[in-house]
Amino acid sequence: MRGLMQDRPLLISSFLTFAAVYHKDREIVTRTVEGPIHRYTYADCERRARKLANVLKGRLGVGFGDVVGTLAWNTYRHLELWYGISGQGMVCHTINPRLFPDQIAYIVNHAEDKVLFMDLTFVPLVEKLLPRLGNVKHFVIMTDRAHMPATSIPGALCYEEIVEEASDDFVWPEFDENTASSLCYTSGTTGNPKGVLYSHRSTALHSMVANNADALGMRSSDAVLPVVPMFHANAWSIPYGAPMAGAKIVMPGAAMDGASIYELLETEGVTMTAAVPTVWLMLLQHLEKEEDRKLSTLKRVVIGGSAAPRSMIETFETKYGVSVCHAWGMTEMSPLGTLGSLKAGMDKLPIEKRLDIQCKQGRAVFCVDMKITDDHGNELPRDGVAFGHLMVRGPWIAGAYLKGDGGNILDHNGYFDTGDVATLDPEGFMQITDRAKDVIKSGGEWISSIDLENAAVGHPSVAEAAVIGVFHPKWDERPLLIVVRKPGKEVTKDEMMAFLTGKIAKWWMPDDVVFVDDLPHTATGKLLKTRLRDDFKDYKFPGVAAE
């Protein structure tokens, strides 16, 4: 017997139309690429998204299922594009501008983008790539006529002109909820980036669950600052969840430095924000220089992308009174898989024990099945001790890559191998111990580079740290600690070793410490271990070269 409920498709357009009706006066605030602060409402956004939909379908000749690319920061215009494209059955392809130019050219062609929208920042990049973008029929610069640059891009259109000229007489169509909605590519640290193609259904389900109280938990009373870019794994679903909740959105534009982020937090009364750890390092360093500054409205910070150092979580909570929620996910997961909200009674634990929990990546959200396995696919116990390959499945987790790249990516039970090595404890909290390719194997035992890095960053003179495995004739590999000092600070190898003593297992202690001016990062802000391993491939530990 089937149920007797109405069968309505889950479509992305409904997020914005809901906000335009029930939260029509709630603000969307943007620090524009041109400089000034821009303000308007959900009702304004929805009306302009309808105008943009007419532009795409009419003037630009984009059809149902066609792919439209964006090279853009977090701004109100980019938000209009998200809805104007996906809302009528086209595919919104958010391109990460931090990828190498060759990778950008590859994914624009691989995705078969018909139109490319770009912020002013990226016009020079597109000009250089132009001879390699033969499939793109139209190029649109996301600015007004007053700021249109002189450009070699033929027939470049002005975003504001084509939107303002268009009619807002447009009705969002209904279609199958399994229709493709948006496209993100993996960062491609090895081989070409791979396309992850989301559907309206997967996006709607993910957004509803991601916004649960034990997850992102946005409310209509919140002012939310998504620092995580809209070109990075759907900005963790905030541009979908915020309209669903009716929360005020504060868009940072291109300014990601500590001072700019702090200004928006304070002037716009931000209560919740999300970004990768490197952004929060910049903010905390800015606050450290300006000792009289406080975080007067901020209540919650979500940290993901890579592991948040314990010292960062502790500083936010003890010095600024801001609650930190650790999160984990990946492009293939839409992206959220776990969030570190505390369970009943955990908030009463002594701070050291509570931080032990908060440093983990969190608990699986509803609909995400998670397990860890050994090298032979056997499931390992959820005891917080055993660690193995982290496997996931769920309705918003990739079942294949675009055009079949990578072949079959699921095991016989439909699980996706995340490439992470992790533990699962009896309370359901997951902790990443390493990427499978980054784990250090010393004398037959595994050493977590992430735990070592987070311990090292706790030193007051350390800005950033990386740990890689280096060849050792006796132990196979031993850890090398690579450190970036904070500006104006000094720390020696002996001081680092003394600081780490007692914080990690004795046999985890690095065999050497090297100081550098900066560390390489991937397009999504993670440490680029492949580059470090290449840079230090001929490195010899002191006293080992002669063996």
Protein backbone atom coordinates (compact mmCIF):
# COMPACT_ATOMS: atom_id res chain seq x y z
CA MET A 1 0.00 0.00 0.00
CA ARG A 2 1.36 3.43 -0.95
CA GLY A 3 0.95 6.53 1.16
CA LEU A 4 -1.53 9.23 0.20
CA MET A 5 0.73 12.26 0.46
CA GLN A 6 1.24 14.90 -2.21
CA ASP A 7 4.21 14.20 -4.45
CA ARG A 8 6.11 17.48 -4.79
CA PRO A 9 9.67 17.53 -6.20
CA LEU A 10 12.50 18.78 -4.00
CA LEU A 11 13.89 21.67 -6.07
CA ILE A 12 16.54 24.27 -5.29
CA SER A 13 14.33 27.16 -6.45
CA SER A 14 12.05 26.51 -3.46
CA PHE A 15 14.77 27.61 -0.99
CA LEU A 16 14.84 31.14 -2.36
CA THR A 17 11.11 31.48 -3.09
CA PHE A 18 10.40 30.45 0.51
CA ALA A 19 12.78 33.12 1.82
CA ALA A 20 11.31 35.74 -0.54
CA VAL A 21 7.81 35.11 0.85
CA TYR A 22 8.42 34.44 4.54
CA HIS A 23 11.66 36.38 5.15
CA LYS A 24 11.39 38.93 2.36
CA ASP A 25 12.98 41.83 4.29
CA ARG A 26 15.91 39.85 5.72
CA GLU A 27 19.19 41.28 4.47
CA ILE A 28 21.89 39.89 2.21
CA VAL A 29 25.00 42.01 2.78
CA THR A 30 28.09 41.86 0.53
CA ARG A 31 31.54 43.39 0.58
CA THR A 32 31.69 43.79 -3.17
CA VAL A 33 34.72 43.10 -5.31
CA GLU A 34 34.55 46.77 -6.36
CA GLY A 35 34.83 47.80 -2.70
CA PRO A 36 31.59 49.24 -1.25
CA ILE A 37 29.15 47.33 0.92
CA HIS A 38 25.99 46.27 -0.93
CA ARG A 39 22.68 45.53 0.80
CA TYR A 40 19.41 44.13 -0.36
CA THR A 41 16.81 41.58 0.71
CA TYR A 42 15.76 38.02 -0.08
CA ALA A 43 12.86 39.45 -2.06
CA ASP A 44 15.30 41.52 -4.14
CA CYS A 45 17.54 38.49 -4.67
CA GLU A 46 14.69 36.27 -5.85
CA ARG A 47 13.43 38.93 -8.27
CA ARG A 48 16.88 39.39 -9.80
CA ALA A 49 17.40 35.62 -9.98
CA ARG A 50 14.22 35.45 -12.09
CA LYS A 51 15.58 38.20 -14.34
CA LEU A 52 18.83 36.28 -14.66
CA ALA A 53 16.90 33.12 -15.52
CA ASN A 54 15.34 34.97 -18.46
CA VAL A 55 18.80 36.19 -19.54
CA LEU A 56 20.21 32.67 -19.51
CA LYS A 57 17.32 31.08 -21.36
CA GLY A 58 16.74 33.93 -23.81
CA ARG A 59 19.70 36.14 -24.62
CA LEU A 60 22.41 33.57 -23.85
CA GLY A 61 20.63 30.56 -25.32
CA VAL A 62 21.31 28.17 -22.44
CA GLY A 63 19.10 25.08 -22.46
CA PHE A 64 17.81 22.62 -19.88
CA GLY A 65 20.75 20.51 -18.67
CA ASP A 66 23.40 22.85 -20.09
CA VAL A 67 26.34 23.75 -17.84
CA VAL A 68 27.13 27.33 -16.81
CA GLY A 69 30.47 28.12 -15.18
CA THR A 70 31.25 30.68 -12.47
CA LEU A 71 34.59 32.12 -11.40
CA ALA A 72 33.41 34.20 -8.48
CA TRP A 73 33.74 35.06 -4.81
CA ASN A 74 30.98 34.95 -2.20
CA THR A 75 28.76 37.84 -3.29
CA TYR A 76 25.10 38.60 -3.89
CA ARG A 77 25.63 38.26 -7.63
CA HIS A 78 27.07 34.78 -7.21
CA LEU A 79 24.07 33.87 -5.06
CA GLU A 80 21.73 35.05 -7.83
CA LEU A 81 23.60 32.82 -10.26
CA TRP A 82 23.27 29.77 -8.04
CA TYR A 83 19.50 30.07 -8.11
CA GLY A 84 19.02 31.52 -11.58
CA ILE A 85 20.98 28.64 -13.14
CA SER A 86 19.92 25.61 -11.09
CA GLY A 87 16.38 26.89 -10.58
CA GLN A 88 15.46 26.23 -14.21
CA GLY A 89 17.20 22.90 -14.69
CA MET A 90 20.61 24.11 -15.85
CA VAL A 91 23.80 23.05 -14.05
CA CYS A 92 25.74 25.60 -11.98
CA HIS A 93 29.45 24.79 -12.24
CA THR A 94 31.39 26.63 -9.53
CA ILE A 95 35.06 26.77 -10.54
CA ASN A 96 37.78 27.03 -7.92
CA PRO A 97 40.05 29.88 -9.14
CA ARG A 98 42.84 28.63 -6.86
CA LEU A 99 43.39 25.63 -9.09
CA PHE A 100 46.29 25.74 -11.49
CA PRO A 101 45.41 27.46 -14.80
CA ASP A 102 45.86 24.17 -16.68
CA GLN A 103 43.34 22.53 -14.33
CA ILE A 104 40.85 25.36 -14.78
CA ALA A 105 41.05 25.08 -18.56
CA TYR A 106 40.66 21.31 -18.26
CA ILE A 107 37.51 21.43 -16.11
CA VAL A 108 35.81 24.18 -18.15
CA ASN A 109 36.22 21.98 -21.22
CA HIS A 110 35.49 18.70 -19.43
CA ALA A 111 32.26 20.15 -17.99
CA GLU A 112 31.38 21.65 -21.40
CA ASP A 113 30.52 25.06 -19.95
CA LYS A 114 28.38 27.06 -22.38
CA VAL A 115 28.65 30.38 -20.54
CA LEU A 116 31.30 31.63 -18.11
CA PHE A 117 30.54 34.29 -15.49
CA MET A 118 33.51 35.92 -13.75
CA ASP A 119 34.25 38.49 -11.08
CA LEU A 120 36.60 41.36 -11.95
CA THR A 121 39.43 39.60 -10.10
CA PHE A 122 39.47 36.77 -12.61
CA VAL A 123 39.29 38.67 -15.90
CA PRO A 124 43.11 38.49 -16.43
CA LEU A 125 43.02 34.73 -15.76
CA VAL A 126 40.27 34.17 -18.33
CA GLU A 127 42.11 36.36 -20.86
CA LYS A 128 45.15 34.07 -20.60
CA LEU A 129 43.04 30.91 -20.89
CA LEU A 130 40.84 32.24 -23.71
CA PRO A 131 42.48 30.31 -26.58
CA ARG A 132 41.78 27.06 -24.71
CA LEU A 133 38.11 27.71 -23.90
CA GLY A 134 36.62 26.97 -27.30
CA ASN A 135 33.32 25.56 -26.01
CA VAL A 136 32.34 28.72 -24.13
CA LYS A 137 29.87 30.78 -26.17
CA HIS A 138 29.46 33.80 -23.89
CA PHE A 139 31.58 35.52 -21.23
CA VAL A 140 29.94 37.73 -18.61
CA ILE A 141 31.85 40.04 -16.26
CA MET A 142 30.06 40.38 -12.93
CA THR A 143 30.09 44.13 -12.44
CA ASP A 144 28.33 47.29 -13.58
CA ARG A 145 29.10 49.48 -16.57
CA ALA A 146 31.13 51.95 -14.50
CA HIS A 147 33.59 49.22 -13.50
CA MET A 148 33.73 47.26 -16.77
CA PRO A 149 37.41 46.77 -17.60
CA ALA A 150 39.09 47.05 -20.96
CA THR A 151 39.47 43.42 -21.93
CA SER A 152 40.60 41.20 -24.78
CA ILE A 153 37.66 38.85 -24.14
CA PRO A 154 35.55 39.15 -27.32
CA GLY A 155 31.96 40.21 -26.79
CA ALA A 156 32.30 40.33 -23.00
CA LEU A 157 28.95 41.21 -21.44
CA CYS A 158 28.28 43.40 -18.41
CA TYR A 159 26.34 41.48 -15.75
CA GLU A 160 24.37 44.43 -14.36
CA GLU A 161 23.34 45.62 -17.81
CA ILE A 162 21.96 42.30 -18.99
CA VAL A 163 20.17 41.64 -15.69
CA GLU A 164 18.57 45.08 -15.45
CA GLU A 165 17.40 44.93 -19.07
CA ALA A 166 15.65 41.59 -18.52
CA SER A 167 12.08 41.00 -17.43
CA ASP A 168 11.35 39.47 -14.04
CA ASP A 169 8.32 37.70 -15.50
CA PHE A 170 9.50 34.16 -14.94
CA VAL A 171 7.93 31.17 -13.17
CA TRP A 172 10.33 28.61 -11.73
CA PRO A 173 9.58 25.35 -13.57
CA GLU A 174 8.91 21.97 -12.01
CA PHE A 175 10.87 18.91 -13.13
CA ASP A 176 12.29 15.64 -11.82
CA GLU A 177 14.06 16.21 -8.50
CA ASN A 178 16.88 13.88 -9.61
CA THR A 179 17.85 16.39 -12.32
CA ALA A 180 21.45 17.59 -12.04
CA SER A 181 21.69 20.93 -10.25
CA SER A 182 25.32 21.82 -9.70
CA LEU A 183 28.84 20.66 -10.35
CA CYS A 184 32.05 20.85 -8.32
CA TYR A 185 35.41 19.37 -9.16
CA THR A 186 37.79 17.77 -6.69
CA SER A 187 40.98 19.70 -6.01
CA GLY A 188 42.99 17.30 -8.18
CA THR A 189 46.18 16.97 -6.10
CA THR A 190 46.93 13.80 -8.09
CA GLY A 191 45.78 13.50 -11.71
CA ASN A 192 43.07 15.61 -13.28
CA PRO A 193 40.24 16.97 -11.09
CA LYS A 194 37.08 14.85 -11.14
CA GLY A 195 33.56 16.21 -11.44
CA VAL A 196 30.99 15.64 -8.69
CA LEU A 197 27.49 16.22 -10.05
CA TYR A 198 24.80 16.99 -7.48
CA SER A 199 21.05 16.69 -7.95
CA HIS A 200 18.19 18.86 -6.69
CA ARG A 201 17.07 16.01 -4.44
CA SER A 202 20.51 15.37 -2.96
CA THR A 203 21.06 19.08 -2.37
CA ALA A 204 17.68 19.59 -0.70
CA LEU A 205 18.09 16.58 1.59
CA HIS A 206 21.64 17.58 2.46
CA SER A 207 20.66 21.18 3.20
CA MET A 208 17.76 20.21 5.46
CA VAL A 209 19.85 17.77 7.48
CA ALA A 210 22.92 20.04 7.54
CA ASN A 211 20.82 22.78 9.09
CA ASN A 212 19.56 20.64 11.99
CA ALA A 213 20.12 22.04 15.48
CA ASP A 214 22.92 19.52 16.10
CA ALA A 215 24.55 20.51 12.81
CA LEU A 216 24.90 24.08 11.41
CA GLY A 217 21.70 25.05 13.21
CA MET A 218 20.97 28.36 11.45
CA ARG A 219 17.88 30.25 12.59
CA SER A 220 15.98 33.28 11.31
CA SER A 221 17.52 35.32 14.13
CA ASP A 222 21.07 34.49 12.99
CA ALA A 223 23.42 36.58 10.90
CA VAL A 224 25.67 34.11 9.06
CA LEU A 225 29.05 34.82 7.47
CA PRO A 226 30.05 32.03 5.04
CA VAL A 227 33.78 32.62 4.68
CA VAL A 228 34.12 29.18 3.12
CA PRO A 229 33.97 29.96 -0.61
CA MET A 230 30.93 29.18 -2.75
CA PHE A 231 33.37 27.50 -5.16
CA HIS A 232 34.50 25.10 -2.41
CA ALA A 233 32.05 22.19 -1.97
CA ASN A 234 28.87 24.27 -2.04
CA ALA A 235 30.08 26.61 0.73
CA TRP A 236 29.07 23.80 3.10
CA SER A 237 25.44 24.33 2.05
CA ILE A 238 25.11 27.71 3.78
CA PRO A 239 23.75 29.55 0.68
CA TYR A 240 20.95 26.95 0.66
CA GLY A 241 20.39 26.57 4.40
CA ALA A 242 20.38 30.28 5.25
CA PRO A 243 17.40 31.11 2.97
CA MET A 244 15.58 28.04 4.29
CA ALA A 245 16.04 29.40 7.81
CA GLY A 246 15.58 33.07 6.90
CA ALA A 247 18.98 33.97 8.34
CA LYS A 248 20.77 37.16 7.35
CA ILE A 249 23.70 36.39 5.02
CA VAL A 250 26.92 38.40 5.13
CA MET A 251 29.12 37.78 2.07
CA PRO A 252 32.86 38.58 2.43
CA GLY A 253 33.68 39.01 -1.26
CA ALA A 254 37.39 38.73 -2.03
CA ALA A 255 38.68 40.08 1.31
CA MET A 256 39.59 37.07 3.47
CA ASP A 257 42.25 38.67 5.70
CA GLY A 258 41.82 38.80 9.45
CA ALA A 259 41.08 42.53 9.63
CA SER A 260 38.40 42.41 6.91
CA ILE A 261 36.69 39.38 8.41
CA TYR A 262 36.74 40.96 11.87
CA GLU A 263 35.17 44.16 10.54
CA LEU A 264 32.23 42.25 9.02
CA LEU A 265 31.78 40.13 12.14
CA GLU A 266 31.38 43.24 14.25
CA THR A 267 29.62 45.73 11.97
CA GLU A 268 27.02 43.22 10.75
CA GLY A 269 26.35 41.53 14.09
CA VAL A 270 27.39 38.09 12.84
CA THR A 271 26.35 35.26 15.17
CA MET A 272 27.60 32.24 13.19
CA THR A 273 30.40 31.75 10.68
CA ALA A 274 32.28 28.94 8.92
CA ALA A 275 35.69 28.52 7.29
CA VAL A 276 38.86 26.44 7.11
CA PRO A 277 41.47 26.73 9.92
CA THR A 278 43.82 29.00 7.94
CA VAL A 279 41.18 31.75 7.92
CA TRP A 280 40.76 31.53 11.69
CA LEU A 281 44.51 31.59 12.19
CA MET A 282 44.53 34.96 10.40
CA LEU A 283 41.61 36.24 12.48
CA LEU A 284 43.13 35.16 15.78
CA GLN A 285 46.49 36.66 14.83
CA HIS A 286 44.69 39.94 14.04
CA LEU A 287 42.94 39.85 17.42
CA GLU A 288 46.24 39.05 19.12
CA LYS A 289 47.77 42.23 17.68
CA GLU A 290 44.74 44.33 18.70
CA GLU A 291 44.37 43.13 22.28
CA ASP A 292 41.41 45.36 23.12
CA ARG A 293 39.20 43.79 20.42
CA LYS A 294 36.44 41.36 21.29
CA LEU A 295 33.96 39.23 19.39
CA SER A 296 30.84 40.94 20.66
CA THR A 297 28.08 39.07 18.76
CA LEU A 298 29.71 35.90 17.44
CA LYS A 299 28.41 32.75 19.15
CA ARG A 300 29.34 29.83 16.89
CA VAL A 301 32.24 29.00 14.59
CA VAL A 302 32.20 25.96 12.33
CA ILE A 303 35.67 24.76 11.34
CA GLY A 304 36.29 22.19 8.61
CA GLY A 305 38.37 21.52 5.52
CA SER A 306 41.25 20.27 7.66
CA ALA A 307 41.68 19.49 11.34
CA ALA A 308 41.33 22.43 13.73
CA PRO A 309 44.21 22.66 16.21
CA ARG A 310 43.24 22.15 19.85
CA SER A 311 44.80 25.51 20.70
CA MET A 312 42.47 27.25 18.22
CA ILE A 313 39.33 25.68 19.68
CA GLU A 314 40.48 26.51 23.20
CA THR A 315 41.34 30.14 22.33
CA PHE A 316 37.95 30.78 20.73
CA GLU A 317 36.11 29.35 23.73
CA THR A 318 38.18 30.54 26.71
CA LYS A 319 39.34 33.94 25.45
CA TYR A 320 36.41 35.04 23.27
CA GLY A 321 33.46 32.99 24.51
CA VAL A 322 32.77 31.50 21.08
CA SER A 323 31.61 27.89 20.72
CA VAL A 324 33.51 25.87 18.11
CA CYS A 325 31.94 23.04 16.13
CA HIS A 326 34.37 20.82 14.27
CA ALA A 327 33.07 19.53 10.93
CA TRP A 328 34.24 17.09 8.30
CA GLY A 329 33.20 16.25 4.78
CA MET A 330 34.38 16.39 1.21
CA THR A 331 33.28 17.49 -2.24
CA GLU A 332 31.96 13.99 -2.90
CA MET A 333 29.67 14.33 0.16
CA SER A 334 27.95 17.61 -0.79
CA PRO A 335 30.04 18.15 1.56
CA LEU A 336 29.00 17.61 5.20
CA GLY A 337 29.39 14.18 6.78
CA THR A 338 30.01 14.85 10.48
CA LEU A 339 29.63 17.74 12.92
CA GLY A 340 31.08 17.91 16.41
CA SER A 341 28.06 18.96 18.42
CA LEU A 342 28.27 17.69 22.00
CA LYS A 343 25.89 15.05 23.30
CA ALA A 344 23.86 15.35 26.49
CA GLY A 345 26.05 15.95 29.54
CA MET A 346 29.26 16.56 27.60
CA ASP A 347 29.02 20.31 28.13
CA LYS A 348 29.45 19.66 31.86
CA LEU A 349 32.78 17.87 31.44
CA PRO A 350 36.03 19.55 32.55
CA ILE A 351 37.40 21.64 29.71
CA GLU A 352 40.33 19.31 29.00
CA LYS A 353 38.03 16.30 28.52
CA ARG A 354 35.57 18.38 26.52
CA LEU A 355 38.35 19.58 24.23
CA ASP A 356 39.37 15.95 23.69
CA ILE A 357 35.91 15.44 22.18
CA GLN A 358 35.77 18.73 20.28
CA CYS A 359 39.08 18.00 18.56
CA LYS A 360 37.45 15.02 16.88
CA GLN A 361 35.66 15.63 13.59
CA GLY A 362 32.26 14.88 15.11
CA ARG A 363 29.28 12.58 14.73
CA ALA A 364 27.69 11.44 11.48
CA VAL A 365 24.62 13.41 10.52
CA PHE A 366 21.36 11.62 9.77
CA CYS A 367 21.44 9.71 6.44
CA VAL A 368 25.24 9.24 6.44
CA ASP A 369 26.32 5.65 7.08
CA MET A 370 29.92 5.42 8.23
CA LYS A 371 32.36 2.63 9.02
CA ILE A 372 36.10 1.96 9.16
CA THR A 373 37.74 -1.05 7.53
CA ASP A 374 41.13 -2.72 7.32
CA ASP A 375 43.07 -3.15 4.08
CA HIS A 376 40.96 -6.20 3.24
CA GLY A 377 37.58 -4.49 3.66
CA ASN A 378 36.79 -6.02 7.06
CA GLU A 379 34.88 -3.67 9.37
CA LEU A 380 36.84 -2.58 12.46
CA PRO A 381 35.42 -1.97 15.96
CA ARG A 382 34.03 1.41 17.03
CA ASP A 383 36.22 1.57 20.12
CA GLY A 384 38.09 4.81 19.51
CA VAL A 385 41.35 2.86 19.26
CA ALA A 386 41.24 0.86 16.04
CA PHE A 387 41.77 3.00 12.97
CA GLY A 388 41.24 2.17 9.34
CA HIS A 389 39.89 3.35 6.00
CA LEU A 390 36.86 5.64 6.44
CA MET A 391 33.96 4.48 4.27
CA VAL A 392 30.66 6.35 3.75
CA ARG A 393 27.36 6.07 1.91
CA GLY A 394 24.18 8.15 1.78
CA PRO A 395 21.69 9.98 -0.47
CA TRP A 396 23.98 12.98 -1.04
CA ILE A 397 27.25 11.06 -1.49
CA ALA A 398 28.69 10.57 -4.98
CA GLY A 399 27.94 7.28 -6.70
CA ALA A 400 30.20 8.06 -9.66
CA TYR A 401 32.29 10.88 -11.10
CA LEU A 402 31.21 12.88 -14.15
CA LYS A 403 31.71 10.99 -17.43
CA GLY A 404 32.79 7.87 -15.54
CA ASP A 405 36.19 9.22 -14.54
CA GLY A 406 37.83 6.99 -11.95
CA GLY A 407 35.66 4.00 -12.86
CA ASN A 408 33.61 2.29 -10.15
CA ILE A 409 34.14 4.25 -6.93
CA LEU A 410 31.90 2.19 -4.62
CA ASP A 411 32.51 -1.11 -2.87
CA HIS A 412 30.10 -4.07 -3.09
CA ASN A 413 27.93 -2.57 -0.32
CA GLY A 414 27.71 0.86 -1.96
CA TYR A 415 30.29 2.54 0.31
CA PHE A 416 32.65 5.26 -0.94
CA ASP A 417 36.27 5.20 0.25
CA THR A 418 37.01 8.74 1.48
CA GLY A 419 40.78 8.27 1.40
CA ASP A 420 40.94 9.18 5.08
CA VAL A 421 42.19 7.02 7.93
CA ALA A 422 40.05 7.43 11.04
CA THR A 423 38.79 6.06 14.35
CA LEU A 424 35.17 5.75 15.51
CA ASP A 425 34.49 5.80 19.25
CA PRO A 426 31.58 4.19 21.15
CA GLU A 427 29.74 7.56 21.32
CA GLY A 428 29.81 7.83 17.53
CA PHE A 429 32.53 10.50 17.26
CA MET A 430 34.89 10.13 14.32
CA GLN A 431 38.48 11.34 14.31
CA ILE A 432 40.64 11.62 11.22
CA THR A 433 44.12 10.36 11.97
CA ASP A 434 45.46 11.02 8.48
CA ARG A 435 44.90 10.84 4.78
CA ALA A 436 45.69 7.29 3.71
CA LYS A 437 48.48 8.64 1.52
CA ASP A 438 49.89 10.86 4.30
CA VAL A 439 50.03 8.45 7.23
CA ILE A 440 53.58 7.77 8.46
CA LYS A 441 54.50 4.11 8.79
CA SER A 442 57.33 3.72 11.28
CA GLY A 443 58.54 0.26 12.27
CA GLY A 444 55.23 -1.29 11.24
CA GLU A 445 53.18 1.21 13.31
CA TRP A 446 51.19 4.22 12.06
CA ILE A 447 51.87 7.78 13.22
CA SER A 448 49.22 10.46 12.69
CA SER A 449 50.71 13.52 10.99
CA ILE A 450 47.55 15.48 11.85
CA ASP A 451 47.89 14.92 15.60
CA LEU A 452 51.55 15.90 15.45
CA GLU A 453 50.77 19.06 13.46
CA ASN A 454 48.03 20.14 15.84
CA ALA A 455 50.29 19.63 18.84
CA ALA A 456 53.04 21.72 17.23
CA VAL A 457 50.67 24.58 16.35
CA GLY A 458 49.86 24.86 20.06
CA HIS A 459 53.26 26.50 20.59
CA PRO A 460 52.72 30.27 20.98
CA SER A 461 55.45 31.07 18.42
CA VAL A 462 54.21 28.71 15.69
CA ALA A 463 51.95 29.98 12.92
CA GLU A 464 51.63 26.74 10.97
CA ALA A 465 53.18 23.28 10.94
CA ALA A 466 53.33 20.26 8.66
CA VAL A 467 54.58 16.73 9.27
CA ILE A 468 55.70 14.30 6.58
CA GLY A 469 57.30 10.88 6.63
CA VAL A 470 60.94 10.75 5.53
CA PHE A 471 62.90 7.61 4.70
CA HIS A 472 64.76 6.00 7.58
CA PRO A 473 67.01 2.93 7.03
CA LYS A 474 65.90 1.25 10.27
CA TRP A 475 62.28 2.34 10.79
CA ASP A 476 61.22 2.72 7.12
CA GLU A 477 59.82 6.22 7.82
CA ARG A 478 60.19 8.76 10.59
CA PRO A 479 58.33 12.09 11.04
CA LEU A 480 59.89 15.39 9.97
CA LEU A 481 58.30 18.49 11.50
CA ILE A 482 58.26 21.56 9.23
CA VAL A 483 57.43 24.82 11.03
CA VAL A 484 56.49 28.38 10.05
CA ARG A 485 57.16 30.85 12.85
CA LYS A 486 54.73 33.66 13.66
CA PRO A 487 55.97 37.10 12.51
CA GLY A 488 58.47 38.49 15.02
CA LYS A 489 58.58 35.26 17.04
CA GLU A 490 61.47 32.89 17.61
CA VAL A 491 61.52 29.21 18.48
CA THR A 492 64.30 26.64 18.17
CA LYS A 493 64.33 22.92 17.44
CA ASP A 494 65.15 22.11 21.07
CA GLU A 495 62.29 24.32 22.29
CA MET A 496 59.87 22.59 19.93
CA MET A 497 60.96 19.15 21.08
CA ALA A 498 60.62 20.17 24.72
CA PHE A 499 57.15 21.61 24.02
CA LEU A 500 55.97 18.37 22.38
CA THR A 501 57.28 16.16 25.17
CA GLY A 502 54.36 14.65 27.06
CA LYS A 503 51.81 15.84 24.48
CA ILE A 504 52.34 12.90 22.10
CA ALA A 505 53.62 9.35 22.36
CA LYS A 506 57.39 9.26 22.79
CA TRP A 507 57.91 7.20 19.65
CA TRP A 508 55.88 9.79 17.69
CA MET A 509 58.45 12.52 18.44
CA PRO A 510 59.81 13.98 15.18
CA ASP A 511 63.37 13.05 14.35
CA ASP A 512 64.08 16.61 13.23
CA VAL A 513 62.52 20.08 12.98
CA VAL A 514 62.97 22.34 9.94
CA PHE A 515 61.91 25.99 9.82
CA VAL A 516 60.57 27.56 6.60
CA ASP A 517 59.04 30.89 5.58
CA ASP A 518 55.77 29.38 4.32
CA LEU A 519 54.05 26.11 3.48
CA PRO A 520 52.37 25.07 0.20
CA HIS A 521 48.60 24.63 0.17
CA THR A 522 46.07 23.03 -2.14
CA ALA A 523 43.36 24.99 -3.93
CA THR A 524 41.06 24.37 -0.95
CA GLY A 525 43.54 25.58 1.69
CA LYS A 526 44.83 22.20 2.87
CA LEU A 527 48.54 21.48 3.31
CA LEU A 528 49.99 20.24 0.04
CA LYS A 529 51.87 17.20 1.33
CA THR A 530 52.78 15.99 -2.16
CA ARG A 531 54.83 19.16 -2.71
CA LEU A 532 56.50 18.85 0.69
CA ARG A 533 57.38 15.21 0.10
CA ASP A 534 58.90 16.19 -3.24
CA ASP A 535 60.80 19.14 -1.72
CA PHE A 536 62.25 16.93 1.01
CA LYS A 537 62.68 13.69 -0.97
CA ASP A 538 66.48 13.83 -0.56
CA TYR A 539 66.39 14.91 3.07
CA LYS A 540 68.56 12.95 5.52
CA PHE A 541 67.95 12.94 9.26
CA PRO A 542 70.93 14.05 11.39
CA GLY A 543 73.14 11.07 12.12
CA VAL A 544 71.43 8.87 9.54
CA ALA A 545 73.28 9.86 6.37
CA ALA A 546 76.30 7.77 7.30
CA GLU A 547 74.28 4.58 7.96
